[in-house]
Amino acid sequence: MNEKKKQERAVVHLEKDGQHYYYGNLKALTDHWDKDAIGVSYAYLKNLNISGDKPFVNDKCVIRRGIIITSKRHHSND
């Protein structure tokens, strides 16, 4: 019997200039945006406890961390 599992994945949400961008982790975000663009470095962000309730906010952006919940995974032989 194949077990169906609910998938949960971390997501990092960047809000900048009224636009919304989503990344799998802080490193991916800071690989795409440099310190000049978002006003903060990866080294600084990784030491913060960013969450949906405790975002990082500065004059250039807002960064939140959360969870994406997807439907249960179905195997092709189900």
N, C-alpha and C. Protein backbone atom coordinates (compact mmCIF):
# COMPACT_ATOMS: atom_id res chain seq x y z
N MET A 1 0.85 -1.19 0.00
CA MET A 1 0.00 0.00 0.00
C MET A 1 0.88 1.24 0.00
N ASN A 2 0.63 2.15 -0.92
CA ASN A 2 1.41 3.37 -1.00
C ASN A 2 0.84 4.43 -0.06
N GLU A 3 1.70 5.03 0.70
CA GLU A 3 1.27 6.07 1.64
C GLU A 3 1.24 7.41 0.93
N LYS A 4 0.17 8.17 1.14
CA LYS A 4 0.04 9.51 0.58
C LYS A 4 0.45 10.51 1.64
N LYS A 5 1.41 11.36 1.30
CA LYS A 5 1.94 12.30 2.29
C LYS A 5 1.63 13.73 1.88
N LYS A 6 1.26 14.52 2.88
CA LYS A 6 1.10 15.95 2.67
C LYS A 6 2.50 16.55 2.56
N GLN A 7 2.70 17.40 1.58
CA GLN A 7 4.00 18.01 1.36
C GLN A 7 4.04 19.40 2.00
N GLU A 8 5.05 19.67 2.80
CA GLU A 8 5.27 21.00 3.35
C GLU A 8 6.65 21.45 2.93
N ARG A 9 6.72 22.67 2.42
CA ARG A 9 7.99 23.21 1.96
C ARG A 9 8.18 24.62 2.49
N ALA A 10 9.42 24.92 2.84
CA ALA A 10 9.74 26.28 3.29
C ALA A 10 9.70 27.22 2.10
N VAL A 11 9.34 28.45 2.36
CA VAL A 11 9.36 29.49 1.34
C VAL A 11 9.83 30.80 1.98
N VAL A 12 10.61 31.55 1.22
CA VAL A 12 11.03 32.89 1.64
C VAL A 12 10.36 33.86 0.68
N HIS A 13 9.64 34.82 1.24
CA HIS A 13 8.87 35.79 0.46
C HIS A 13 9.55 37.14 0.54
N LEU A 14 9.87 37.70 -0.61
CA LEU A 14 10.45 39.04 -0.70
C LEU A 14 9.41 39.97 -1.29
N GLU A 15 9.12 41.06 -0.59
CA GLU A 15 8.26 42.11 -1.11
C GLU A 15 9.14 43.32 -1.36
N LYS A 16 9.21 43.74 -2.62
CA LYS A 16 10.08 44.84 -3.01
C LYS A 16 9.40 45.67 -4.09
N ASP A 17 9.29 46.96 -3.86
CA ASP A 17 8.69 47.88 -4.84
C ASP A 17 7.31 47.43 -5.30
N GLY A 18 6.51 46.91 -4.37
CA GLY A 18 5.16 46.48 -4.69
C GLY A 18 5.07 45.14 -5.42
N GLN A 19 6.20 44.49 -5.63
CA GLN A 19 6.24 43.19 -6.29
C GLN A 19 6.53 42.10 -5.26
N HIS A 20 6.13 40.87 -5.57
CA HIS A 20 6.32 39.75 -4.66
C HIS A 20 7.14 38.67 -5.35
N TYR A 21 8.15 38.15 -4.65
CA TYR A 21 9.04 37.13 -5.18
C TYR A 21 9.17 36.02 -4.13
N TYR A 22 9.30 34.79 -4.60
CA TYR A 22 9.32 33.65 -3.69
C TYR A 22 10.56 32.79 -3.96
N TYR A 23 11.22 32.36 -2.89
CA TYR A 23 12.46 31.58 -2.98
C TYR A 23 12.40 30.40 -2.02
N GLY A 24 13.18 29.39 -2.31
CA GLY A 24 13.23 28.20 -1.47
C GLY A 24 13.99 28.39 -0.19
N ASN A 25 14.89 29.39 -0.14
CA ASN A 25 15.66 29.67 1.06
C ASN A 25 16.29 31.05 0.95
N LEU A 26 16.88 31.51 2.05
CA LEU A 26 17.51 32.84 2.07
C LEU A 26 18.68 32.93 1.12
N LYS A 27 19.44 31.86 0.97
CA LYS A 27 20.60 31.87 0.07
C LYS A 27 20.16 32.11 -1.37
N ALA A 28 19.10 31.45 -1.78
CA ALA A 28 18.59 31.65 -3.14
C ALA A 28 18.17 33.11 -3.35
N LEU A 29 17.52 33.69 -2.35
CA LEU A 29 17.11 35.09 -2.43
C LEU A 29 18.32 36.00 -2.58
N THR A 30 19.33 35.80 -1.74
CA THR A 30 20.49 36.70 -1.77
C THR A 30 21.43 36.38 -2.94
N ASP A 31 21.31 35.21 -3.55
CA ASP A 31 22.04 34.95 -4.80
C ASP A 31 21.43 35.75 -5.94
N HIS A 32 20.13 36.02 -5.84
CA HIS A 32 19.41 36.75 -6.89
C HIS A 32 19.46 38.28 -6.67
N TRP A 33 19.43 38.71 -5.43
CA TRP A 33 19.42 40.13 -5.07
C TRP A 33 20.66 40.45 -4.25
N ASP A 34 21.42 41.45 -4.64
CA ASP A 34 22.61 41.81 -3.85
C ASP A 34 22.24 42.78 -2.73
N LYS A 35 23.21 43.04 -1.88
CA LYS A 35 23.00 43.89 -0.70
C LYS A 35 22.53 45.30 -1.07
N ASP A 36 23.02 45.83 -2.17
CA ASP A 36 22.60 47.16 -2.60
C ASP A 36 21.12 47.19 -2.97
N ALA A 37 20.63 46.11 -3.55
CA ALA A 37 19.23 46.06 -4.01
C ALA A 37 18.25 45.88 -2.85
N ILE A 38 18.61 45.05 -1.86
CA ILE A 38 17.67 44.77 -0.76
C ILE A 38 18.09 45.37 0.58
N GLY A 39 19.29 45.91 0.64
CA GLY A 39 19.72 46.61 1.85
C GLY A 39 20.16 45.72 2.99
N VAL A 40 20.43 44.44 2.70
CA VAL A 40 20.83 43.51 3.75
C VAL A 40 21.61 42.36 3.10
N SER A 41 22.52 41.78 3.84
CA SER A 41 23.33 40.68 3.32
C SER A 41 22.83 39.32 3.81
N TYR A 42 23.24 38.27 3.13
CA TYR A 42 22.91 36.91 3.56
C TYR A 42 23.46 36.65 4.95
N ALA A 43 24.70 37.07 5.21
CA ALA A 43 25.33 36.84 6.52
C ALA A 43 24.49 37.41 7.65
N TYR A 44 23.89 38.58 7.43
CA TYR A 44 23.04 39.18 8.46
C TYR A 44 21.70 38.44 8.56
N LEU A 45 21.07 38.16 7.42
CA LEU A 45 19.75 37.52 7.41
C LEU A 45 19.76 36.13 8.04
N LYS A 46 20.82 35.37 7.80
CA LYS A 46 20.82 33.98 8.27
C LYS A 46 20.83 33.88 9.80
N ASN A 47 21.22 34.95 10.48
CA ASN A 47 21.25 34.95 11.95
C ASN A 47 19.95 35.46 12.57
N LEU A 48 19.02 35.89 11.74
CA LEU A 48 17.74 36.37 12.25
C LEU A 48 16.74 35.22 12.29
N ASN A 49 15.76 35.33 13.14
CA ASN A 49 14.69 34.34 13.22
C ASN A 49 13.48 34.89 12.47
N ILE A 50 13.60 34.95 11.14
CA ILE A 50 12.54 35.52 10.32
C ILE A 50 11.38 34.53 10.22
N SER A 51 10.16 35.05 10.33
CA SER A 51 8.96 34.22 10.17
C SER A 51 7.87 35.09 9.57
N GLY A 52 6.71 34.52 9.40
CA GLY A 52 5.57 35.30 8.92
C GLY A 52 5.18 36.38 9.90
N ASP A 53 5.30 36.06 11.19
CA ASP A 53 4.95 37.02 12.24
C ASP A 53 6.09 37.97 12.59
N LYS A 54 7.32 37.59 12.25
CA LYS A 54 8.49 38.40 12.55
C LYS A 54 9.31 38.63 11.28
N PRO A 55 8.80 39.46 10.36
CA PRO A 55 9.53 39.69 9.11
C PRO A 55 10.74 40.61 9.33
N PHE A 56 11.65 40.57 8.37
CA PHE A 56 12.73 41.55 8.30
C PHE A 56 12.18 42.70 7.46
N VAL A 57 12.28 43.93 7.99
CA VAL A 57 11.76 45.10 7.29
C VAL A 57 12.82 46.18 7.27
N ASN A 58 13.05 46.76 6.10
CA ASN A 58 13.88 47.96 6.00
C ASN A 58 13.25 48.87 4.95
N ASP A 59 13.94 49.93 4.56
CA ASP A 59 13.34 50.88 3.61
C ASP A 59 13.33 50.38 2.17
N LYS A 60 13.95 49.20 1.91
CA LYS A 60 14.00 48.66 0.54
C LYS A 60 13.11 47.44 0.32
N CYS A 61 12.81 46.71 1.41
CA CYS A 61 12.06 45.47 1.22
C CYS A 61 11.49 44.93 2.53
N VAL A 62 10.67 43.89 2.38
CA VAL A 62 10.18 43.10 3.51
C VAL A 62 10.47 41.65 3.16
N ILE A 63 11.06 40.91 4.10
CA ILE A 63 11.36 39.49 3.88
C ILE A 63 10.66 38.69 4.97
N ARG A 64 9.88 37.69 4.53
CA ARG A 64 9.16 36.81 5.46
C ARG A 64 9.55 35.36 5.16
N ARG A 65 9.39 34.51 6.13
CA ARG A 65 9.60 33.07 5.93
C ARG A 65 8.31 32.37 6.30
N GLY A 66 7.95 31.36 5.53
CA GLY A 66 6.72 30.63 5.80
C GLY A 66 6.78 29.22 5.25
N ILE A 67 5.62 28.58 5.22
CA ILE A 67 5.49 27.21 4.76
C ILE A 67 4.44 27.16 3.66
N ILE A 68 4.75 26.47 2.58
CA ILE A 68 3.76 26.17 1.55
C ILE A 68 3.26 24.76 1.83
N ILE A 69 1.94 24.61 1.91
CA ILE A 69 1.36 23.30 2.13
C ILE A 69 0.68 22.88 0.83
N THR A 70 1.06 21.73 0.32
CA THR A 70 0.48 21.23 -0.92
C THR A 70 -0.43 20.05 -0.63
N SER A 71 -1.15 19.62 -1.64
CA SER A 71 -2.04 18.47 -1.48
C SER A 71 -1.22 17.20 -1.32
N LYS A 72 -1.91 16.14 -0.92
CA LYS A 72 -1.23 14.86 -0.74
C LYS A 72 -0.69 14.38 -2.06
N ARG A 73 0.46 13.75 -2.00
CA ARG A 73 1.13 13.25 -3.19
C ARG A 73 0.49 11.93 -3.61
N HIS A 74 0.21 11.81 -4.89
CA HIS A 74 -0.36 10.57 -5.43
C HIS A 74 0.68 9.88 -6.30
N HIS A 75 0.83 8.61 -6.13
CA HIS A 75 1.76 7.84 -6.95
C HIS A 75 1.06 7.40 -8.22
N SER A 76 1.79 7.23 -9.30
CA SER A 76 1.21 6.93 -10.60
C SER A 76 0.47 5.58 -10.63
N ASN A 77 0.78 4.68 -9.71
CA ASN A 77 0.10 3.38 -9.71
C ASN A 77 -1.08 3.35 -8.73
N ASP A 78 -1.53 4.50 -8.24
CA ASP A 78 -2.69 4.56 -7.34
C ASP A 78 -3.98 4.47 -8.12
